[in-house]
Amino acid sequence: MVTRDGGGKGRSKKEKKVSPDAPLTFETVDLFAQALTLFDRAADVMGLEPYVRTILQHPKNEIIVNFPVRLDDGRYKVFKGYRVQHNNVLGPYKGGIRYARFVTLGELKAMAFWMTMKNSLVGVPFGGAKGGVKLDPAHYSESEIQRITRRYTHALGTNIGPDWDIPAPDMGTNAQTMVWIADTYVNTFGSAVRFAGRGVVTGKTIANGGSLGRDEATGRGVVCTVQSWAAGNGTDLSKCTFAVQGFGNVGSFAGRILGDLGATMLAVQDHTGAIANPSGIDPHALAAHVRAAGGVKGFPGAKETTTEAFWATKCDILIPAALEYQITEQVAPTLRCRLVAEGANGPTAPEADAVLAAKGIEVIPDILANAGGVAVSFFEWTQNRRGESWTLDEVRAKLRTYMDTAYGRVKDVARERRIDNRTAAYVVSLTRLQEVYRERGIFP
C-alpha cells in the first residue's frame, strides 16, 4: 500500500478543534470512522476473514497534490487536491471528483470506501476511489475552473487512467469538467493512449464520448429501488407522497421521475432553504426554478418552511440527496415517513439507524440506492472501449436490470440472516470481495 501524504490521518489538528457541546455535522464528524462502524457491523455478521477485514480497513493510496493556478486578475493561487484509491481487487479504481470548500482527506477516504462497497454490490468490475479539490466553485469564473481542472489533472498524472483509475462528476463538477480532464489526459499521454484515453473519465458530454442516460442515472437508480420496494410491499407509487432533501442532479431527477410515475412531492429542502405544499410541488417546474435561481428558495409553487418542519413532513418516501450525515440521532425521531431512500452518500448517522428501525421506517441504503450512477458509468466506459453508442432505452433497461438484481440480493440476505437492509447490503458486497481475495490470494 502506498501512502503519499505522510500518514493520511484525515483532518488536520486545526480542523479537529470542535467544541464538545457543538452538534456533530458532516464537516466535524470523522466520516471514515463512521464508515468503518458500518463495515465492522457487517463483517461481524458474516464472519469476514480477518486478513480481508484488515486490508479493507485501509485505502491503498492516499494522494495529495498542491498546484498553482493563474487567476483571471493575474494573481497565482495554490490549490490542494486529493485522490484516494481505496481498493482495486475487482477492477480499476472508480469514483467521483468533487469541488467543495469542505473537501478533506478523511471525507474522501470514507467516500472511496463506500465506492468499493457500492461497485461490489451492484456487480460492476470496478474498485473504489474518490477525489476532490478544496475550493468553492461559486467564487471562480469558468475560465479559472478550467485552469484549476487541467492543473489538477496534470498534477495527478498517471495516478488516473482508463485501466487504472476512472474519475466521474460529483458535487461541484459536471460533464464539462470531465471533458477538460479527458482532454488534458489525452494531450499529456496521447501517444500512448490515443482515443482510448477518452475512457479515463465517465460522465462526459455526449459529443465527447459520454453515454445517454448518464445525467439521470443516479436519480433514476434511486427510483428503481423505490419501485422494487413498492412492488415488494404491494404499494401503488402513483398514490404515494414524498419529500426530497437536496435538489441538485440526484434529487431533481429522482423527484421528476417519481413525479412522472404519479407520486406527489410535498416538500423540498436545500442549501437555500425549505419549501412545502400539501397539494403537491411540480418537480419539473421546481427543477427549472433551481437552474435559474440556484436553489429552491423563492419557488412560487410552494411556501417557505423550516428545516425542522421539512424533516417532520408526513409522507411515504423521504429521499436525502444532499450531503453526508444529515439524518442524525437528533433528526431521526422527527421523521414521519415509511421509507428512506438514500440518494446521497452516507446521509444517515449509524446511531440514527436504530432510531429509524424502532419507528418502523425502512431504509434503502446509499450503496444500493445511489448505485445507478456507477452502473451507467460502467456502461459509458464499456461503450468507449468498444466504440459503441447505446440508445437511451438500452441504457435504462440495463440500469433497471442491475438495480433490480442488486436490490433482490440485499433483500434475500436481509431475510435469510434477519438483519437490516444496510447490514445486508454490506454483507453482499463483502461476500464478493472475500471470494475474490480467497481465489487470488495476496502477492507474493
Protein backbone atom coordinates (compact mmCIF):
# COMPACT_ATOMS: atom_id res chain seq x y z
CA MET A 1 0.00 0.00 0.00
CA VAL A 2 1.26 3.48 -0.85
CA THR A 3 0.56 6.48 1.37
CA ARG A 4 1.81 9.69 -0.21
CA ASP A 5 0.89 12.25 2.40
CA GLY A 6 2.94 11.11 5.36
CA GLY A 7 0.29 9.03 7.04
CA GLY A 8 -3.05 10.40 5.90
CA LYS A 9 -4.99 10.52 9.16
CA GLY A 10 -7.68 12.69 7.64
CA ARG A 11 -8.46 16.11 9.13
CA SER A 12 -5.73 18.42 10.39
CA LYS A 13 -5.46 19.36 14.05
CA LYS A 14 -6.94 22.74 13.21
CA GLU A 15 -9.94 21.12 11.54
CA LYS A 16 -10.49 18.81 14.52
CA LYS A 17 -10.90 21.62 17.07
CA VAL A 18 -14.63 21.40 17.69
CA SER A 19 -16.44 22.34 20.89
CA PRO A 20 -17.59 19.21 22.73
CA ASP A 21 -21.01 20.85 23.08
CA ALA A 22 -21.38 21.56 19.35
CA PRO A 23 -23.70 19.25 17.38
CA LEU A 24 -21.95 16.86 15.03
CA THR A 25 -22.23 17.71 11.33
CA PHE A 26 -20.79 16.31 8.11
CA GLU A 27 -17.93 18.84 8.48
CA THR A 28 -16.95 17.82 12.02
CA VAL A 29 -17.65 14.09 12.24
CA ASP A 30 -14.99 11.51 11.32
CA LEU A 31 -16.78 10.05 8.30
CA PHE A 32 -14.21 7.33 7.70
CA ALA A 33 -14.62 6.08 11.26
CA GLN A 34 -18.39 6.13 10.73
CA ALA A 35 -17.98 4.13 7.52
CA LEU A 36 -15.85 1.53 9.30
CA THR A 37 -18.51 1.20 12.00
CA LEU A 38 -20.96 0.03 9.34
CA PHE A 39 -18.28 -2.18 7.82
CA ASP A 40 -17.46 -3.84 11.15
CA ARG A 41 -21.13 -4.49 11.82
CA ALA A 42 -21.48 -6.46 8.59
CA ALA A 43 -18.06 -8.12 8.90
CA ASP A 44 -19.05 -9.49 12.31
CA VAL A 45 -22.37 -10.81 10.99
CA MET A 46 -20.79 -12.74 8.12
CA GLY A 47 -17.53 -13.74 9.82
CA LEU A 48 -15.32 -11.91 7.33
CA GLU A 49 -11.81 -13.35 7.06
CA PRO A 50 -9.50 -11.35 9.39
CA TYR A 51 -6.95 -10.62 6.65
CA VAL A 52 -9.67 -9.33 4.29
CA ARG A 53 -11.03 -7.14 7.08
CA THR A 54 -7.55 -5.72 7.71
CA ILE A 55 -6.98 -4.94 4.03
CA LEU A 56 -10.34 -3.21 3.53
CA GLN A 57 -9.91 -1.05 6.64
CA HIS A 58 -7.24 0.97 4.83
CA PRO A 59 -7.10 2.78 1.47
CA LYS A 60 -4.35 1.52 -0.81
CA ASN A 61 -3.25 5.00 -1.89
CA GLU A 62 -3.84 8.49 -0.48
CA ILE A 63 -2.61 11.13 -2.91
CA ILE A 64 -2.32 14.85 -2.12
CA VAL A 65 -1.23 17.39 -4.73
CA ASN A 66 -0.63 21.13 -4.39
CA PHE A 67 -0.68 23.03 -7.67
CA PRO A 68 -0.53 26.71 -8.72
CA VAL A 69 -3.16 28.30 -10.97
CA ARG A 70 -3.22 31.75 -12.55
CA LEU A 71 -6.46 33.55 -11.74
CA ASP A 72 -8.23 35.97 -14.08
CA ASP A 73 -6.77 39.02 -12.33
CA GLY A 74 -3.22 37.76 -12.88
CA ARG A 75 -2.63 36.54 -9.33
CA TYR A 76 -1.49 32.98 -8.65
CA LYS A 77 -3.06 30.73 -6.05
CA VAL A 78 -2.01 27.27 -4.86
CA PHE A 79 -4.86 24.75 -4.59
CA LYS A 80 -4.89 21.47 -2.68
CA GLY A 81 -6.24 18.39 -4.46
CA TYR A 82 -6.74 14.80 -3.40
CA ARG A 83 -7.30 11.35 -4.86
CA VAL A 84 -7.96 8.44 -2.51
CA GLN A 85 -7.78 4.97 -4.06
CA HIS A 86 -9.33 2.54 -1.63
CA ASN A 87 -9.29 -0.85 -3.36
CA ASN A 88 -8.91 -2.27 -6.87
CA VAL A 89 -9.19 -6.03 -6.42
CA LEU A 90 -12.33 -6.06 -8.59
CA GLY A 91 -11.01 -3.74 -11.29
CA PRO A 92 -9.84 -0.15 -11.92
CA TYR A 93 -10.44 2.38 -9.16
CA LYS A 94 -13.67 4.30 -9.78
CA GLY A 95 -15.19 7.33 -8.10
CA GLY A 96 -16.15 10.95 -8.48
CA ILE A 97 -14.26 14.21 -8.11
CA ARG A 98 -15.83 16.96 -6.03
CA TYR A 99 -15.02 20.65 -5.84
CA ALA A 100 -16.08 21.97 -2.42
CA ARG A 101 -14.73 24.19 0.33
CA PHE A 102 -15.01 21.38 2.92
CA VAL A 103 -13.14 18.66 0.99
CA THR A 104 -10.80 16.77 3.32
CA LEU A 105 -8.76 13.61 3.14
CA GLY A 106 -10.88 11.96 5.83
CA GLU A 107 -14.12 12.63 3.95
CA LEU A 108 -12.67 11.26 0.72
CA LYS A 109 -11.40 8.12 2.46
CA ALA A 110 -14.97 7.39 3.54
CA MET A 111 -16.30 8.12 0.04
CA ALA A 112 -13.69 5.89 -1.59
CA PHE A 113 -14.54 3.09 0.82
CA TRP A 114 -18.24 3.45 0.02
CA MET A 115 -17.42 3.29 -3.70
CA THR A 116 -15.65 -0.05 -3.18
CA MET A 117 -18.73 -1.37 -1.38
CA LYS A 118 -21.13 0.07 -3.96
CA ASN A 119 -19.30 -1.28 -7.00
CA SER A 120 -19.04 -4.71 -5.46
CA LEU A 121 -22.73 -4.68 -4.54
CA VAL A 122 -24.03 -3.63 -7.95
CA GLY A 123 -21.76 -6.11 -9.72
CA VAL A 124 -19.58 -3.88 -11.90
CA PRO A 125 -15.85 -4.61 -12.42
CA PHE A 126 -14.54 -1.56 -10.56
CA GLY A 127 -12.84 -0.78 -7.30
CA GLY A 128 -13.39 2.33 -5.19
CA ALA A 129 -11.86 5.81 -5.28
CA LYS A 130 -12.76 9.44 -4.65
CA GLY A 131 -11.07 12.75 -5.33
CA GLY A 132 -11.53 16.45 -4.90
CA VAL A 133 -10.14 19.94 -4.80
CA LYS A 134 -10.66 22.24 -1.82
CA LEU A 135 -12.42 25.30 -3.24
CA ASP A 136 -15.82 26.95 -3.55
CA PRO A 137 -16.67 26.81 -7.29
CA ALA A 138 -19.04 29.79 -6.91
CA HIS A 139 -16.04 32.04 -6.24
CA TYR A 140 -14.29 31.29 -9.53
CA SER A 141 -15.03 32.01 -13.19
CA GLU A 142 -15.48 29.29 -15.79
CA SER A 143 -12.03 30.01 -17.23
CA GLU A 144 -10.50 29.71 -13.75
CA ILE A 145 -12.34 26.41 -13.12
CA GLN A 146 -10.99 25.10 -16.42
CA ARG A 147 -7.40 26.01 -15.49
CA ILE A 148 -7.85 24.52 -12.00
CA THR A 149 -9.20 21.31 -13.53
CA ARG A 150 -6.40 21.00 -16.06
CA ARG A 151 -3.69 21.68 -13.49
CA TYR A 152 -5.26 19.19 -11.06
CA THR A 153 -5.36 16.56 -13.82
CA HIS A 154 -1.75 17.25 -14.76
CA ALA A 155 -0.71 17.03 -11.12
CA LEU A 156 -2.38 13.62 -10.74
CA GLY A 157 -0.54 12.40 -13.85
CA THR A 158 -0.55 8.62 -14.24
CA ASN A 159 -2.40 8.16 -10.96
CA ILE A 160 -5.51 8.15 -13.17
CA GLY A 161 -6.06 6.29 -16.44
CA PRO A 162 -8.68 4.26 -18.36
CA ASP A 163 -7.32 0.99 -16.98
CA TRP A 164 -6.19 2.28 -13.58
CA ASP A 165 -8.43 4.95 -12.03
CA ILE A 166 -11.51 6.43 -13.71
CA PRO A 167 -12.97 9.63 -12.19
CA ALA A 168 -16.52 10.91 -12.69
CA PRO A 169 -18.55 14.02 -11.76
CA ASP A 170 -19.56 14.70 -8.18
CA MET A 171 -20.51 17.74 -6.14
CA GLY A 172 -19.30 20.93 -7.84
CA THR A 173 -18.22 19.18 -11.04
CA ASN A 174 -20.12 18.21 -14.20
CA ALA A 175 -19.82 16.81 -17.72
CA GLN A 176 -17.76 19.81 -18.88
CA THR A 177 -15.29 19.22 -16.05
CA MET A 178 -14.89 15.62 -17.17
CA VAL A 179 -14.26 16.71 -20.79
CA TRP A 180 -11.47 19.02 -19.60
CA ILE A 181 -9.94 16.16 -17.60
CA ALA A 182 -10.11 13.78 -20.56
CA ASP A 183 -8.65 16.35 -22.95
CA THR A 184 -5.80 17.16 -20.58
CA TYR A 185 -5.05 13.50 -20.04
CA VAL A 186 -5.12 12.64 -23.76
CA ASN A 187 -2.90 15.61 -24.64
CA THR A 188 -0.44 14.68 -21.89
CA PHE A 189 -0.29 10.94 -22.66
CA GLY A 190 -1.76 10.93 -26.16
CA SER A 191 0.98 8.98 -27.89
CA ALA A 192 0.34 6.08 -25.55
CA VAL A 193 -3.45 6.06 -25.22
CA ARG A 194 -4.80 7.87 -28.31
CA PHE A 195 -8.60 7.78 -28.42
CA ALA A 196 -8.76 5.09 -25.74
CA GLY A 197 -7.88 7.90 -23.38
CA ARG A 198 -11.47 9.15 -23.55
CA GLY A 199 -12.26 6.36 -21.12
CA VAL A 200 -10.14 8.00 -18.41
CA VAL A 201 -13.35 9.57 -17.07
CA THR A 202 -17.07 8.90 -17.29
CA GLY A 203 -19.91 11.38 -17.12
CA LYS A 204 -18.66 13.23 -20.22
CA THR A 205 -20.84 15.14 -22.67
CA ILE A 206 -22.46 13.05 -25.41
CA ALA A 207 -20.36 14.76 -28.11
CA ASN A 208 -17.18 13.75 -26.30
CA GLY A 209 -17.93 10.08 -25.68
CA GLY A 210 -20.50 10.25 -22.90
CA SER A 211 -23.44 7.91 -22.55
CA LEU A 212 -27.08 8.70 -22.99
CA GLY A 213 -28.82 8.49 -19.64
CA ARG A 214 -25.72 9.29 -17.57
CA ASP A 215 -27.05 12.61 -16.30
CA GLU A 216 -30.17 11.00 -14.85
CA ALA A 217 -28.54 7.73 -13.81
CA THR A 218 -28.16 8.21 -10.05
CA GLY A 219 -31.63 9.69 -9.61
CA ARG A 220 -33.20 7.04 -11.82
CA GLY A 221 -31.36 4.34 -9.89
CA VAL A 222 -32.88 5.67 -6.66
CA VAL A 223 -36.33 5.42 -8.25
CA CYS A 224 -35.60 1.87 -9.46
CA THR A 225 -35.00 0.77 -5.86
CA VAL A 226 -38.14 2.60 -4.71
CA GLN A 227 -40.11 0.78 -7.40
CA SER A 228 -38.71 -2.55 -6.17
CA TRP A 229 -39.67 -1.61 -2.61
CA ALA A 230 -43.18 -0.65 -3.68
CA ALA A 231 -43.64 -3.89 -5.63
CA GLY A 232 -42.47 -5.93 -2.65
CA ASN A 233 -44.83 -4.13 -0.29
CA GLY A 234 -47.90 -4.03 -2.51
CA THR A 235 -47.69 -0.23 -2.67
CA ASP A 236 -49.04 1.85 -5.56
CA LEU A 237 -46.44 4.55 -6.24
CA SER A 238 -48.99 6.73 -8.01
CA LYS A 239 -50.71 7.15 -4.64
CA CYS A 240 -47.51 7.85 -2.68
CA THR A 241 -46.16 11.13 -1.36
CA PHE A 242 -42.50 12.03 -0.98
CA ALA A 243 -40.03 14.68 0.17
CA VAL A 244 -36.54 15.38 -1.15
CA GLN A 245 -33.52 16.90 0.58
CA GLY A 246 -31.21 18.43 -1.99
CA PHE A 247 -32.49 19.30 -5.46
CA GLY A 248 -29.32 19.09 -7.49
CA ASN A 249 -28.68 16.38 -10.05
CA VAL A 250 -29.69 13.37 -7.95
CA GLY A 251 -32.62 14.92 -6.09
CA SER A 252 -34.13 16.68 -9.07
CA PHE A 253 -34.03 13.65 -11.35
CA ALA A 254 -35.39 11.39 -8.62
CA GLY A 255 -38.16 13.90 -7.96
CA ARG A 256 -39.05 14.32 -11.62
CA ILE A 257 -39.06 10.61 -12.35
CA LEU A 258 -41.16 9.81 -9.27
CA GLY A 259 -43.50 12.63 -10.26
CA ASP A 260 -43.84 11.16 -13.74
CA LEU A 261 -44.86 7.88 -12.08
CA GLY A 262 -47.70 9.70 -10.35
CA ALA A 263 -46.20 10.26 -6.88
CA THR A 264 -46.76 13.64 -5.20
CA MET A 265 -43.84 15.73 -3.94
CA LEU A 266 -44.79 17.56 -0.72
CA ALA A 267 -41.58 19.24 0.48
CA VAL A 268 -38.02 20.01 -0.61
CA GLN A 269 -35.03 21.37 1.29
CA ASP A 270 -31.61 22.50 0.06
CA HIS A 271 -28.83 24.94 0.99
CA THR A 272 -31.10 27.94 0.28
CA GLY A 273 -34.00 26.86 2.50
CA ALA A 274 -37.04 24.62 2.64
CA ILE A 275 -40.40 24.75 0.83
CA ALA A 276 -43.63 22.79 1.14
CA ASN A 277 -47.05 22.47 -0.47
CA PRO A 278 -49.59 19.95 0.89
CA SER A 279 -51.28 19.94 -2.53
CA GLY A 280 -48.04 18.94 -4.25
CA ILE A 281 -44.99 20.59 -5.84
CA ASP A 282 -44.37 20.28 -9.58
CA PRO A 283 -40.87 18.73 -9.72
CA HIS A 284 -40.28 19.81 -13.33
CA ALA A 285 -41.18 23.42 -12.58
CA LEU A 286 -39.02 23.35 -9.45
CA ALA A 287 -36.06 21.95 -11.41
CA ALA A 288 -36.37 24.84 -13.88
CA HIS A 289 -36.51 27.32 -10.98
CA VAL A 290 -33.41 25.81 -9.35
CA ARG A 291 -31.48 26.03 -12.61
CA ALA A 292 -32.35 29.73 -12.86
CA ALA A 293 -32.18 30.77 -9.19
CA GLY A 294 -29.58 28.38 -7.81
CA GLY A 295 -31.85 26.87 -5.17
CA VAL A 296 -35.41 26.15 -4.09
CA LYS A 297 -35.88 29.45 -2.24
CA GLY A 298 -38.43 31.71 -3.85
CA PHE A 299 -40.21 28.99 -5.84
CA PRO A 300 -43.71 30.37 -6.45
CA GLY A 301 -45.40 26.97 -6.34
CA ALA A 302 -44.77 26.38 -2.64
CA LYS A 303 -44.48 28.19 0.68
CA GLU A 304 -41.31 28.68 2.67
CA THR A 305 -40.97 26.44 5.72
CA THR A 306 -38.28 25.48 8.24
CA THR A 307 -35.71 22.73 8.02
CA GLU A 308 -37.25 21.15 11.14
CA ALA A 309 -40.68 21.13 9.51
CA PHE A 310 -39.19 19.61 6.36
CA TRP A 311 -37.79 16.63 8.26
CA ALA A 312 -41.14 16.18 10.02
CA THR A 313 -43.08 16.06 6.74
CA LYS A 314 -45.61 13.23 6.84
CA CYS A 315 -45.03 11.27 3.63
CA ASP A 316 -44.44 7.79 2.29
CA ILE A 317 -40.91 8.28 0.94
CA LEU A 318 -38.04 10.52 2.05
CA ILE A 319 -35.06 10.93 -0.27
CA PRO A 320 -31.96 12.52 1.32
CA ALA A 321 -29.96 13.54 -1.77
CA ALA A 322 -27.65 16.24 -0.43
CA LEU A 323 -24.69 15.79 1.91
CA GLU A 324 -23.42 13.21 4.35
CA TYR A 325 -24.57 12.96 7.96
CA GLN A 326 -27.95 14.67 7.60
CA ILE A 327 -30.24 12.21 9.42
CA THR A 328 -28.61 12.34 12.83
CA GLU A 329 -29.67 10.85 16.14
CA GLN A 330 -31.47 14.14 16.80
CA VAL A 331 -33.21 14.35 13.42
CA ALA A 332 -34.28 10.68 13.12
CA PRO A 333 -37.01 10.83 15.82
CA THR A 334 -38.78 13.62 13.91
CA LEU A 335 -39.17 11.64 10.66
CA ARG A 336 -42.69 10.62 9.68
CA CYS A 337 -42.20 8.50 6.57
CA ARG A 338 -42.38 4.82 5.64
CA LEU A 339 -39.17 4.65 3.60
CA VAL A 340 -35.82 6.45 3.45
CA ALA A 341 -34.14 6.00 0.05
CA GLU A 342 -30.60 7.35 0.37
CA GLY A 343 -29.69 9.27 -2.77
CA ALA A 344 -26.68 10.85 -1.05
CA ASN A 345 -23.58 9.08 0.25
CA GLY A 346 -23.68 8.46 3.99
CA PRO A 347 -26.67 10.70 4.80
CA THR A 348 -27.66 8.70 7.89
CA ALA A 349 -25.55 8.54 11.03
CA PRO A 350 -25.02 4.97 12.32
CA GLU A 351 -26.68 5.91 15.62
CA ALA A 352 -29.79 7.01 13.72
CA ASP A 353 -30.30 3.58 12.14
CA ALA A 354 -31.59 2.15 15.42
CA VAL A 355 -34.00 5.05 15.82
CA LEU A 356 -35.40 4.54 12.33
CA ALA A 357 -35.74 0.79 12.91
CA ALA A 358 -37.63 1.40 16.17
CA LYS A 359 -40.01 3.70 14.31
CA GLY A 360 -40.61 1.05 11.64
CA ILE A 361 -39.02 3.14 8.89
CA GLU A 362 -37.35 1.01 6.23
CA VAL A 363 -34.07 2.21 4.70
CA ILE A 364 -32.69 1.58 1.22
CA PRO A 365 -29.00 2.20 1.99
CA ASP A 366 -26.82 4.54 -0.03
CA ILE A 367 -24.54 1.89 -1.50
CA LEU A 368 -27.64 0.37 -3.10
CA ALA A 369 -29.98 3.30 -3.69
CA ASN A 370 -27.48 5.60 -5.43
CA ALA A 371 -25.56 2.93 -7.34
CA GLY A 372 -27.26 3.87 -10.60
CA GLY A 373 -24.56 6.44 -11.32
CA VAL A 374 -21.69 3.98 -11.26
CA ALA A 375 -23.73 1.38 -13.17
CA VAL A 376 -24.21 3.79 -16.09
CA SER A 377 -20.59 4.93 -15.71
CA PHE A 378 -19.68 1.31 -16.37
CA PHE A 379 -21.94 1.38 -19.43
CA GLU A 380 -20.17 4.53 -20.69
CA TRP A 381 -16.72 3.04 -20.10
CA THR A 382 -17.78 -0.12 -21.94
CA GLN A 383 -19.14 1.88 -24.88
CA ASN A 384 -15.87 3.86 -25.09
CA ARG A 385 -13.80 0.69 -25.14
CA ARG A 386 -16.00 -0.96 -27.76
CA GLY A 387 -16.52 2.12 -29.89
CA GLU A 388 -20.29 1.79 -29.44
CA SER A 389 -23.17 4.13 -28.64
CA TRP A 390 -26.22 2.64 -26.93
CA THR A 391 -29.73 4.04 -27.15
CA LEU A 392 -31.39 5.65 -24.14
CA ASP A 393 -33.85 2.76 -23.94
CA GLU A 394 -30.97 0.28 -23.86
CA VAL A 395 -29.21 2.18 -21.07
CA ARG A 396 -32.39 2.48 -19.00
CA ALA A 397 -33.26 -1.18 -19.45
CA LYS A 398 -29.76 -2.32 -18.45
CA LEU A 399 -29.80 0.01 -15.45
CA ARG A 400 -33.13 -1.38 -14.26
CA THR A 401 -31.75 -4.92 -14.53
CA TYR A 402 -28.63 -4.07 -12.48
CA MET A 403 -30.62 -2.22 -9.82
CA ASP A 404 -33.35 -4.86 -9.54
CA THR A 405 -30.73 -7.61 -9.24
CA ALA A 406 -28.79 -5.77 -6.54
CA TYR A 407 -31.98 -4.95 -4.62
CA GLY A 408 -33.06 -8.59 -4.77
CA ARG A 409 -29.71 -9.79 -3.41
CA VAL A 410 -29.89 -7.38 -0.49
CA LYS A 411 -33.45 -8.31 0.42
CA ASP A 412 -32.64 -12.04 0.20
CA VAL A 413 -29.69 -11.68 2.58
CA ALA A 414 -31.69 -9.45 4.94
CA ARG A 415 -34.46 -12.03 5.07
CA GLU A 416 -32.17 -15.07 5.40
CA ARG A 417 -29.98 -13.56 8.13
CA ARG A 418 -32.73 -11.49 9.76
CA ILE A 419 -30.71 -8.29 9.53
CA ASP A 420 -31.44 -4.74 8.38
CA ASN A 421 -31.03 -3.67 4.75
CA ARG A 422 -27.87 -1.65 5.35
CA THR A 423 -26.02 -4.50 7.01
CA ALA A 424 -27.32 -6.88 4.33
CA ALA A 425 -26.01 -4.61 1.56
CA TYR A 426 -22.54 -4.64 3.13
CA VAL A 427 -22.68 -8.42 3.54
CA VAL A 428 -23.46 -8.82 -0.19
CA SER A 429 -20.55 -6.51 -1.09
CA LEU A 430 -18.08 -8.11 1.30
CA THR A 431 -19.01 -11.63 0.22
CA ARG A 432 -17.98 -10.85 -3.35
CA LEU A 433 -14.76 -9.14 -2.25
CA GLN A 434 -13.86 -12.01 0.10
CA GLU A 435 -14.41 -14.56 -2.66
CA VAL A 436 -12.02 -12.71 -4.97
CA TYR A 437 -9.34 -12.44 -2.26
CA ARG A 438 -9.69 -16.14 -1.41
CA GLU A 439 -9.20 -17.12 -5.06
CA ARG A 440 -6.41 -14.68 -5.91
CA GLY A 441 -4.50 -14.72 -2.65
CA ILE A 442 -2.07 -11.99 -1.61
CA PHE A 443 1.01 -11.41 -3.79
CA PRO A 444 3.74 -12.56 -3.37
